[in-house]
Amino acid sequence: MPVNVLVAVDGSPLSERALTYAIETFPDASISSIYVINPIDSVIDVEAGGLPVAEGWYENAKEKATRIHTMATDLAAEWDTELVTVTEVGNGARNPGIR
């Protein structure tokens, strides 16, 4: 059995199911959740809403990350599991270690 399990969370029902699966399947492991803030989203916001929309994109993204981690922490608490939460900035769809 693994000692550490990392679950990507994005607030979707699928990520909630993934977290629940990890908690159920690896009850003795240390469970961590990660949310990735993608800076490309700020470009999309500018294209959709203009420059004023992009001014607060990072603060908005951090608030969203906090909401998602709170949901994940609450879900883990229902299973009596302590959850470590991590927020990173980058492209969550890419893993430079995989070629």
Protein backbone atom coordinates (compact mmCIF):
# COMPACT_ATOMS: atom_id res chain seq x y z
CA MET A 1 0.00 0.00 0.00
CA PRO A 2 1.22 3.52 -0.74
CA VAL A 3 2.38 5.78 2.05
CA ASN A 4 1.33 9.01 0.27
CA VAL A 5 -1.53 9.64 -2.14
CA LEU A 6 -1.94 12.87 -4.13
CA VAL A 7 -5.36 13.73 -5.55
CA ALA A 8 -5.92 16.56 -8.01
CA VAL A 9 -9.03 18.56 -7.12
CA ASP A 10 -10.89 21.14 -9.16
CA GLY A 11 -14.24 21.33 -7.42
CA SER A 12 -15.95 18.97 -9.85
CA PRO A 13 -18.00 15.96 -8.76
CA LEU A 14 -15.39 13.75 -10.44
CA SER A 15 -12.59 15.15 -8.28
CA GLU A 16 -14.76 14.65 -5.18
CA ARG A 17 -15.23 11.02 -6.21
CA ALA A 18 -11.48 10.65 -6.75
CA LEU A 19 -10.78 12.01 -3.28
CA THR A 20 -13.38 9.72 -1.72
CA TYR A 21 -11.89 6.77 -3.60
CA ALA A 22 -8.39 7.58 -2.34
CA ILE A 23 -9.60 7.88 1.25
CA GLU A 24 -11.59 4.64 1.07
CA THR A 25 -8.93 2.64 -0.76
CA PHE A 26 -5.86 3.84 1.15
CA PRO A 27 -7.04 4.43 4.73
CA ASP A 28 -3.52 4.25 6.18
CA ALA A 29 -1.92 6.60 3.64
CA SER A 30 -1.24 10.30 4.01
CA ILE A 31 -3.71 11.96 1.63
CA SER A 32 -2.94 15.29 -0.06
CA SER A 33 -5.00 17.33 -2.49
CA ILE A 34 -3.57 19.67 -5.11
CA TYR A 35 -5.27 22.48 -6.99
CA VAL A 36 -3.41 24.09 -9.88
CA ILE A 37 -3.96 27.76 -10.77
CA ASN A 38 -3.45 28.06 -14.52
CA PRO A 39 -2.26 31.56 -15.61
CA ILE A 40 -3.66 30.91 -19.09
CA ASP A 41 -7.09 31.40 -17.54
CA SER A 42 -6.26 35.10 -17.14
CA VAL A 43 -5.73 35.38 -20.92
CA ILE A 44 -9.07 33.73 -21.54
CA ASP A 45 -10.72 36.14 -19.09
CA VAL A 46 -9.20 39.15 -20.92
CA GLU A 47 -10.43 37.88 -24.27
CA ALA A 48 -13.92 37.31 -22.86
CA GLY A 49 -14.33 40.35 -20.61
CA GLY A 50 -11.63 42.85 -21.42
CA LEU A 51 -8.64 44.06 -19.48
CA PRO A 52 -10.49 45.12 -16.28
CA VAL A 53 -11.58 41.51 -15.76
CA ALA A 54 -7.99 40.29 -15.69
CA GLU A 55 -6.79 42.71 -13.01
CA GLY A 56 -7.93 40.53 -10.13
CA TRP A 57 -7.53 37.13 -11.76
CA TYR A 58 -4.86 35.84 -9.36
CA GLU A 59 -6.73 36.90 -6.23
CA ASN A 60 -9.90 35.33 -7.65
CA ALA A 61 -8.00 32.14 -8.47
CA LYS A 62 -6.58 31.94 -4.92
CA GLU A 63 -10.09 32.42 -3.48
CA LYS A 64 -11.37 29.63 -5.73
CA ALA A 65 -8.50 27.39 -4.57
CA THR A 66 -9.42 28.10 -0.95
CA ARG A 67 -13.08 27.18 -1.59
CA ILE A 68 -12.07 23.95 -3.33
CA HIS A 69 -9.62 22.97 -0.58
CA THR A 70 -12.27 23.71 2.06
CA MET A 71 -14.66 21.36 0.26
CA ALA A 72 -11.94 18.70 0.07
CA THR A 73 -11.01 19.13 3.74
CA ASP A 74 -14.67 18.88 4.77
CA LEU A 75 -15.08 15.73 2.70
CA ALA A 76 -11.99 14.16 4.28
CA ALA A 77 -13.27 15.11 7.74
CA GLU A 78 -16.44 13.10 7.07
CA TRP A 79 -14.12 10.07 6.81
CA ASP A 80 -12.12 11.11 9.88
CA THR A 81 -9.13 11.74 7.61
CA GLU A 82 -6.66 14.60 7.85
CA LEU A 83 -5.97 16.19 4.47
CA VAL A 84 -2.91 18.15 3.39
CA THR A 85 -3.80 20.78 0.78
CA VAL A 86 -1.45 22.26 -1.82
CA THR A 87 -1.97 25.02 -4.38
CA GLU A 88 0.47 25.44 -7.27
CA VAL A 89 0.62 27.80 -10.24
CA GLY A 90 1.21 26.26 -13.65
CA ASN A 91 -0.42 24.11 -16.27
CA GLY A 92 -2.11 21.23 -14.49
CA ALA A 93 -2.64 19.32 -17.75
CA ARG A 94 1.09 19.03 -18.38
CA ASN A 95 3.64 17.00 -16.49
CA PRO A 96 7.21 17.74 -17.58
CA GLY A 97 8.31 14.36 -16.23
CA ILE A 98 6.23 12.50 -18.83
CA ARG A 99 7.45 12.51 -22.41
